[in-house]
PDB file of N, CA and C in Angstrom:
ATOM      1  N   MET A   1      48.668  17.850 -79.329  1.00  0.00           N
ATOM      2  CA  MET A   1      50.066  18.321 -79.032  1.00  0.00           C
ATOM      3  C   MET A   1      50.318  17.784 -77.717  1.00  0.00           C
ATOM      4  N   SER A   2      51.687  17.202 -77.341  1.00  0.00           N
ATOM      5  CA  SER A   2      52.079  16.950 -76.023  1.00  0.00           C
ATOM      6  C   SER A   2      52.833  17.912 -75.508  1.00  0.00           C
ATOM      7  N   ARG A   3      52.666  17.761 -74.201  1.00  0.00           N
ATOM      8  CA  ARG A   3      53.503  18.959 -73.322  1.00  0.00           C
ATOM      9  C   ARG A   3      54.882  18.556 -73.046  1.00  0.00           C
ATOM     10  N   ALA A   4      55.739  19.422 -73.052  1.00  0.00           N
ATOM     11  CA  ALA A   4      57.031  19.122 -72.604  1.00  0.00           C
ATOM     12  C   ALA A   4      57.394  18.653 -70.987  1.00  0.00           C
ATOM     13  N   PRO A   5      58.241  17.760 -70.903  1.00  0.00           N
ATOM     14  CA  PRO A   5      58.560  17.204 -69.621  1.00  0.00           C
ATOM     15  C   PRO A   5      58.712  18.474 -68.595  1.00  0.00           C
ATOM     16  N   PRO A   6      58.522  18.040 -67.324  1.00  0.00           N
ATOM     17  CA  PRO A   6      58.692  19.237 -66.510  1.00  0.00           C
ATOM     18  C   PRO A   6      60.276  19.254 -66.205  1.00  0.00           C
ATOM     19  N   ASP A   7      60.679  20.619 -65.974  1.00  0.00           N
ATOM     20  CA  ASP A   7      62.082  20.837 -65.685  1.00  0.00           C
ATOM     21  C   ASP A   7      62.520  20.314 -64.191  1.00  0.00           C
ATOM     22  N   ASN A   8      63.063  19.414 -64.016  1.00  0.00           N
ATOM     23  CA  ASN A   8      63.300  18.656 -62.726  1.00  0.00           C
ATOM     24  C   ASN A   8      64.554  19.424 -61.951  1.00  0.00           C
ATOM     25  N   ASP A   9      65.313  20.394 -62.682  1.00  0.00           N
ATOM     26  CA  ASP A   9      66.256  21.026 -62.034  1.00  0.00           C
ATOM     27  C   ASP A   9      65.648  22.059 -61.159  1.00  0.00           C
ATOM     28  N   GLN A  10      64.464  22.587 -61.320  1.00  0.00           N
ATOM     29  CA  GLN A  10      63.866  23.689 -60.692  1.00  0.00           C
ATOM     30  C   GLN A  10      62.875  22.971 -59.363  1.00  0.00           C
ATOM     31  N   PRO A  11      63.005  23.479 -58.195  1.00  0.00           N
ATOM     32  CA  PRO A  11      62.319  23.180 -57.046  1.00  0.00           C
ATOM     33  C   PRO A  11      60.827  23.303 -57.301  1.00  0.00           C
ATOM     34  N   SER A  12      60.047  22.280 -56.793  1.00  0.00           N
ATOM     35  CA  SER A  12      58.569  22.530 -57.029  1.00  0.00           C
ATOM     36  C   SER A  12      58.219  23.473 -55.946  1.00  0.00           C
ATOM     37  N   ASP A  13      56.825  23.908 -56.190  1.00  0.00           N
ATOM     38  CA  ASP A  13      56.383  24.936 -55.285  1.00  0.00           C
ATOM     39  C   ASP A  13      56.373  24.585 -53.709  1.00  0.00           C
ATOM     40  N   GLU A  14      56.016  23.101 -53.527  1.00  0.00           N
ATOM     41  CA  GLU A  14      56.070  22.903 -52.201  1.00  0.00           C
ATOM     42  C   GLU A  14      57.472  22.802 -51.498  1.00  0.00           C
ATOM     43  N   GLU A  15      58.559  22.453 -52.432  1.00  0.00           N
ATOM     44  CA  GLU A  15      60.065  22.485 -51.832  1.00  0.00           C
ATOM     45  C   GLU A  15      60.509  23.812 -51.658  1.00  0.00           C
ATOM     46  N   ASN A  16      59.907  24.971 -52.436  1.00  0.00           N
ATOM     47  CA  ASN A  16      60.302  25.975 -52.283  1.00  0.00           C
ATOM     48  C   ASN A  16      59.522  27.182 -51.349  1.00  0.00           C
ATOM     49  N   GLN A  17      58.538  26.462 -50.671  1.00  0.00           N
ATOM     50  CA  GLN A  17      57.774  27.275 -49.826  1.00  0.00           C
ATOM     51  C   GLN A  17      58.480  27.854 -48.587  1.00  0.00           C
ATOM     52  N   ILE A  18      59.285  27.048 -47.883  1.00  0.00           N
ATOM     53  CA  ILE A  18      59.913  27.503 -46.878  1.00  0.00           C
ATOM     54  C   ILE A  18      60.930  28.605 -47.235  1.00  0.00           C
ATOM     55  N   SER A  19      61.635  28.440 -48.271  1.00  0.00           N
ATOM     56  CA  SER A  19      62.738  29.407 -48.864  1.00  0.00           C
ATOM     57  C   SER A  19      61.952  30.797 -48.949  1.00  0.00           C
ATOM     58  N   ARG A  20      60.730  30.666 -49.618  1.00  0.00           N
ATOM     59  CA  ARG A  20      59.912  32.031 -49.827  1.00  0.00           C
ATOM     60  C   ARG A  20      59.354  32.516 -48.711  1.00  0.00           C
ATOM     61  N   GLN A  21      59.152  31.813 -47.746  1.00  0.00           N
ATOM     62  CA  GLN A  21      58.686  32.352 -46.320  1.00  0.00           C
ATOM     63  C   GLN A  21      59.740  33.047 -45.758  1.00  0.00           C
ATOM     64  N   ARG A  22      60.843  32.622 -45.865  1.00  0.00           N
ATOM     65  CA  ARG A  22      62.062  33.196 -45.334  1.00  0.00           C
ATOM     66  C   ARG A  22      62.908  34.299 -46.172  1.00  0.00           C
ATOM     67  N   ASN A  23      62.173  34.450 -47.305  1.00  0.00           N
ATOM     68  CA  ASN A  23      63.013  35.512 -48.298  1.00  0.00           C
ATOM     69  C   ASN A  23      64.467  34.945 -48.468  1.00  0.00           C
ATOM     70  N   PHE A  24      64.646  33.714 -48.709  1.00  0.00           N
ATOM     71  CA  PHE A  24      66.056  33.214 -48.928  1.00  0.00           C
ATOM     72  C   PHE A  24      66.218  32.845 -50.471  1.00  0.00           C
ATOM     73  N   THR A  25      67.123  33.140 -51.002  1.00  0.00           N
ATOM     74  CA  THR A  25      67.532  32.657 -52.436  1.00  0.00           C
ATOM     75  C   THR A  25      68.276  31.484 -52.332  1.00  0.00           C
ATOM     76  N   PRO A  26      68.539  30.814 -53.296  1.00  0.00           N
ATOM     77  CA  PRO A  26      69.276  29.635 -53.305  1.00  0.00           C
ATOM     78  C   PRO A  26      70.578  29.756 -52.795  1.00  0.00           C
ATOM     79  N   ASP A  27      71.249  30.779 -53.269  1.00  0.00           N
ATOM     80  CA  ASP A  27      72.686  31.200 -52.771  1.00  0.00           C
ATOM     81  C   ASP A  27      72.571  31.426 -51.230  1.00  0.00           C
ATOM     82  N   ALA A  28      71.659  32.294 -50.676  1.00  0.00           N
ATOM     83  CA  ALA A  28      71.691  32.485 -49.529  1.00  0.00           C
ATOM     84  C   ALA A  28      71.519  31.086 -48.669  1.00  0.00           C
ATOM     85  N   GLU A  29      70.587  30.273 -49.160  1.00  0.00           N
ATOM     86  CA  GLU A  29      70.398  28.940 -48.476  1.00  0.00           C
ATOM     87  C   GLU A  29      71.891  28.175 -48.327  1.00  0.00           C
ATOM     88  N   MET A  30      72.546  28.084 -49.358  1.00  0.00           N
ATOM     89  CA  MET A  30      73.571  27.351 -49.482  1.00  0.00           C
ATOM     90  C   MET A  30      74.604  27.734 -48.837  1.00  0.00           C
ATOM     91  N   GLY A  31      74.580  29.239 -48.576  1.00  0.00           N
ATOM     92  CA  GLY A  31      75.687  30.093 -47.608  1.00  0.00           C
ATOM     93  C   GLY A  31      75.393  29.680 -46.118  1.00  0.00           C
ATOM     94  N   LEU A  32      74.086  29.721 -45.881  1.00  0.00           N
ATOM     95  CA  LEU A  32      73.547  29.395 -44.495  1.00  0.00           C
ATOM     96  C   LEU A  32      74.124  28.052 -44.224  1.00  0.00           C
ATOM     97  N   ILE A  33      73.843  27.244 -44.987  1.00  0.00           N
ATOM     98  CA  ILE A  33      74.290  25.690 -44.895  1.00  0.00           C
ATOM     99  C   ILE A  33      75.706  25.473 -44.535  1.00  0.00           C
ATOM    100  N   GLY A  34      76.477  26.215 -45.477  1.00  0.00           N
ATOM    101  CA  GLY A  34      77.777  26.128 -45.360  1.00  0.00           C
ATOM    102  C   GLY A  34      78.511  26.758 -44.152  1.00  0.00           C
ATOM    103  N   GLY A  35      77.751  27.998 -43.752  1.00  0.00           N
ATOM    104  CA  GLY A  35      78.039  28.397 -42.459  1.00  0.00           C
ATOM    105  C   GLY A  35      77.709  27.700 -41.236  1.00  0.00           C
ATOM    106  N   ILE A  36      76.588  27.094 -41.050  1.00  0.00           N
ATOM    107  CA  ILE A  36      76.421  26.148 -40.168  1.00  0.00           C
ATOM    108  C   ILE A  36      77.327  24.940 -40.012  1.00  0.00           C
ATOM    109  N   ILE A  37      77.718  24.368 -41.087  1.00  0.00           N
ATOM    110  CA  ILE A  37      78.630  22.954 -41.182  1.00  0.00           C
ATOM    111  C   ILE A  37      80.012  23.812 -40.574  1.00  0.00           C
ATOM    112  N   GLY A  38      80.325  24.925 -40.930  1.00  0.00           N
ATOM    113  CA  GLY A  38      81.705  25.306 -40.463  1.00  0.00           C
ATOM    114  C   GLY A  38      81.815  25.551 -39.034  1.00  0.00           C
ATOM    115  N   VAL A  39      80.628  26.177 -38.539  1.00  0.00           N
ATOM    116  CA  VAL A  39      80.455  26.241 -36.920  1.00  0.00           C
ATOM    117  C   VAL A  39      80.559  25.215 -36.331  1.00  0.00           C
ATOM    118  N   LEU A  40      79.980  24.065 -36.959  1.00  0.00           N
ATOM    119  CA  LEU A  40      79.771  22.736 -36.193  1.00  0.00           C
ATOM    120  C   LEU A  40      81.159  22.195 -36.136  1.00  0.00           C
ATOM    121  N   ILE A  41      81.900  22.349 -37.249  1.00  0.00           N
ATOM    122  CA  ILE A  41      83.237  21.912 -37.400  1.00  0.00           C
ATOM    123  C   ILE A  41      83.964  22.327 -36.315  1.00  0.00           C
ATOM    124  N   ALA A  42      84.032  23.714 -36.253  1.00  0.00           N
ATOM    125  CA  ALA A  42      84.862  24.437 -35.383  1.00  0.00           C
ATOM    126  C   ALA A  42      84.495  24.184 -33.660  1.00  0.00           C
ATOM    127  N   VAL A  43      83.150  24.074 -33.538  1.00  0.00           N
ATOM    128  CA  VAL A  43      82.756  23.656 -32.327  1.00  0.00           C
ATOM    129  C   VAL A  43      83.296  22.445 -31.802  1.00  0.00           C
ATOM    130  N   LEU A  44      83.248  21.228 -32.845  1.00  0.00           N
ATOM    131  CA  LEU A  44      83.617  20.036 -32.473  1.00  0.00           C
ATOM    132  C   LEU A  44      85.143  19.696 -32.327  1.00  0.00           C
ATOM    133  N   THR A  45      85.839  20.726 -32.953  1.00  0.00           N
ATOM    134  CA  THR A  45      87.324  20.345 -32.949  1.00  0.00           C
ATOM    135  C   THR A  45      88.093  21.345 -31.940  1.00  0.00           C
ATOM    136  N   PHE A  46      87.068  22.379 -31.350  1.00  0.00           N
ATOM    137  CA  PHE A  46      87.809  23.266 -30.310  1.00  0.00           C
ATOM    138  C   PHE A  46      88.409  22.445 -28.978  1.00  0.00           C
ATOM    139  N   PRO A  47      87.657  21.367 -28.669  1.00  0.00           N
ATOM    140  CA  PRO A  47      88.506  20.658 -27.436  1.00  0.00           C
ATOM    141  C   PRO A  47      89.615  20.013 -27.739  1.00  0.00           C
ATOM    142  N   LEU A  48      90.186  20.043 -29.052  1.00  0.00           N
ATOM    143  CA  LEU A  48      91.628  19.399 -29.552  1.00  0.00           C
ATOM    144  C   LEU A  48      92.481  20.552 -29.351  1.00  0.00           C
ATOM    145  N   LEU A  49      92.248  21.974 -29.272  1.00  0.00           N
ATOM    146  CA  LEU A  49      93.116  22.800 -29.299  1.00  0.00           C
ATOM    147  C   LEU A  49      94.174  22.972 -28.402  1.00  0.00           C
ATOM    148  N   PRO A  50      93.979  22.595 -26.871  1.00  0.00           N
ATOM    149  CA  PRO A  50      95.082  22.478 -26.048  1.00  0.00           C
ATOM    150  C   PRO A  50      96.300  21.342 -26.466  1.00  0.00           C
ATOM    151  N   PHE A  51      95.657  20.330 -26.922  1.00  0.00           N
ATOM    152  CA  PHE A  51      96.528  19.339 -27.275  1.00  0.00           C
ATOM    153  C   PHE A  51      97.516  19.653 -28.568  1.00  0.00           C
ATOM    154  N   TYR A  52      96.682  20.437 -29.485  1.00  0.00           N
ATOM    155  CA  TYR A  52      97.634  20.921 -30.659  1.00  0.00           C
ATOM    156  C   TYR A  52      98.701  21.862 -30.073  1.00  0.00           C
ATOM    157  N   LEU A  53      98.155  22.809 -29.292  1.00  0.00           N
ATOM    158  CA  LEU A  53      99.320  23.880 -28.660  1.00  0.00           C
ATOM    159  C   LEU A  53     100.277  23.372 -27.893  1.00  0.00           C
ATOM    160  N   LEU A  54      99.868  22.434 -27.041  1.00  0.00           N
ATOM    161  CA  LEU A  54     100.989  21.590 -26.252  1.00  0.00           C
ATOM    162  C   LEU A  54     101.992  20.949 -27.152  1.00  0.00           C
ATOM    163  N   PHE A  55     101.445  20.400 -28.189  1.00  0.00           N
ATOM    164  CA  PHE A  55     102.254  19.534 -29.145  1.00  0.00           C
ATOM    165  C   PHE A  55     103.329  20.477 -29.777  1.00  0.00           C
ATOM    166  N   ARG A  56     102.945  21.571 -30.187  1.00  0.00           N
ATOM    167  CA  ARG A  56     103.627  22.717 -30.879  1.00  0.00           C
ATOM    168  C   ARG A  56     104.766  23.233 -29.896  1.00  0.00           C
ATOM    169  N   VAL A  57     104.430  23.445 -28.634  1.00  0.00           N
ATOM    170  CA  VAL A  57     105.464  23.911 -27.659  1.00  0.00           C
ATOM    171  C   VAL A  57     106.493  23.082 -27.473  1.00  0.00           C
ATOM    172  N   VAL A  58     106.202  21.695 -27.344  1.00  0.00           N
ATOM    173  CA  VAL A  58     107.121  20.603 -26.844  1.00  0.00           C
ATOM    174  C   VAL A  58     107.725  20.431 -28.230  1.00  0.00           C
ATOM    175  N   ASP A  59     107.273  20.559 -29.338  1.00  0.00           N
ATOM    176  CA  ASP A  59     108.032  20.261 -30.671  1.00  0.00           C
ATOM    177  C   ASP A  59     109.146  21.274 -30.906  1.00  0.00           C
ATOM    178  N   SER A  60     108.745  22.509 -30.591  1.00  0.00           N
ATOM    179  CA  SER A  60     109.369  23.774 -30.705  1.00  0.00           C
ATOM    180  C   SER A  60     110.841  23.751 -29.741  1.00  0.00           C
ATOM    181  N   LEU A  61     110.437  23.119 -28.468  1.00  0.00           N
ATOM    182  CA  LEU A  61     111.515  23.206 -27.509  1.00  0.00           C
ATOM    183  C   LEU A  61     112.497  21.940 -27.726  1.00  0.00           C
ATOM    184  N   VAL A  62     111.959  20.928 -28.072  1.00  0.00           N
ATOM    185  CA  VAL A  62     112.656  19.597 -28.238  1.00  0.00           C
ATOM    186  C   VAL A  62     113.529  19.830 -29.719  1.00  0.00           C
ATOM    187  N   GLY A  63     112.863  20.199 -30.606  1.00  0.00           N
ATOM    188  CA  GLY A  63     113.497  20.430 -31.937  1.00  0.00           C
ATOM    189  C   GLY A  63     114.594  19.473 -32.708  1.00  0.00           C
ATOM    190  N   ASN A  64     114.284  18.172 -32.281  1.00  0.00           N
ATOM    191  CA  ASN A  64     115.156  17.150 -32.927  1.00  0.00           C
ATOM    192  C   ASN A  64     114.709  16.348 -34.083  1.00  0.00           C
ATOM    193  N   ASP A  65     113.466  17.078 -34.598  1.00  0.00           N
ATOM    194  CA  ASP A  65     113.006  16.584 -35.815  1.00  0.00           C
ATOM    195  C   ASP A  65     113.719  16.638 -37.113  1.00  0.00           C
ATOM    196  N   GLU A  66     114.192  15.517 -37.532  1.00  0.00           N
ATOM    197  CA  GLU A  66     114.925  15.594 -38.974  1.00  0.00           C
ATOM    198  C   GLU A  66     114.088  16.199 -40.023  1.00  0.00           C
ATOM    199  N   THR A  67     112.905  16.026 -39.975  1.00  0.00           N
ATOM    200  CA  THR A  67     112.266  16.434 -41.048  1.00  0.00           C
ATOM    201  C   THR A  67     112.173  17.912 -41.294  1.00  0.00           C
ATOM    202  N   ASN A  68     112.523  18.792 -40.258  1.00  0.00           N
ATOM    203  CA  ASN A  68     112.664  20.160 -40.265  1.00  0.00           C
ATOM    204  C   ASN A  68     114.050  20.724 -40.802  1.00  0.00           C
ATOM    205  N   GLN A  69     114.834  19.650 -40.830  1.00  0.00           N
ATOM    206  CA  GLN A  69     116.295  20.251 -41.206  1.00  0.00           C
ATOM    207  C   GLN A  69     116.234  20.491 -42.757  1.00  0.00           C
ATOM    208  N   PRO A  70     117.071  21.552 -43.219  1.00  0.00           N
ATOM    209  CA  PRO A  70     117.355  21.667 -44.437  1.00  0.00           C
ATOM    210  C   PRO A  70     118.123  20.685 -45.153  1.00  0.00           C
ATOM    211  N   ASP A  71     118.042  20.384 -46.474  1.00  0.00           N
ATOM    212  CA  ASP A  71     119.044  19.555 -46.969  1.00  0.00           C
ATOM    213  C   ASP A  71     120.302  19.932 -47.321  1.00  0.00           C
TER     214      ASP A  71
END
């Protein structure tokens, strides 16, 4: 009798070893990765904040933009 092929959707014991050591479920791992990416994006875009605020202040003071006028 032949064996069924291994299920490739499940991680092997070697791949899952770090997760088991840290007691992370797959959902917790993905949440942690998403949080790290979010913090990285926030840190990288933070230096642009003064330019954005300056743009908003100048735009509100000048206010001659035709795209903001109602039809």
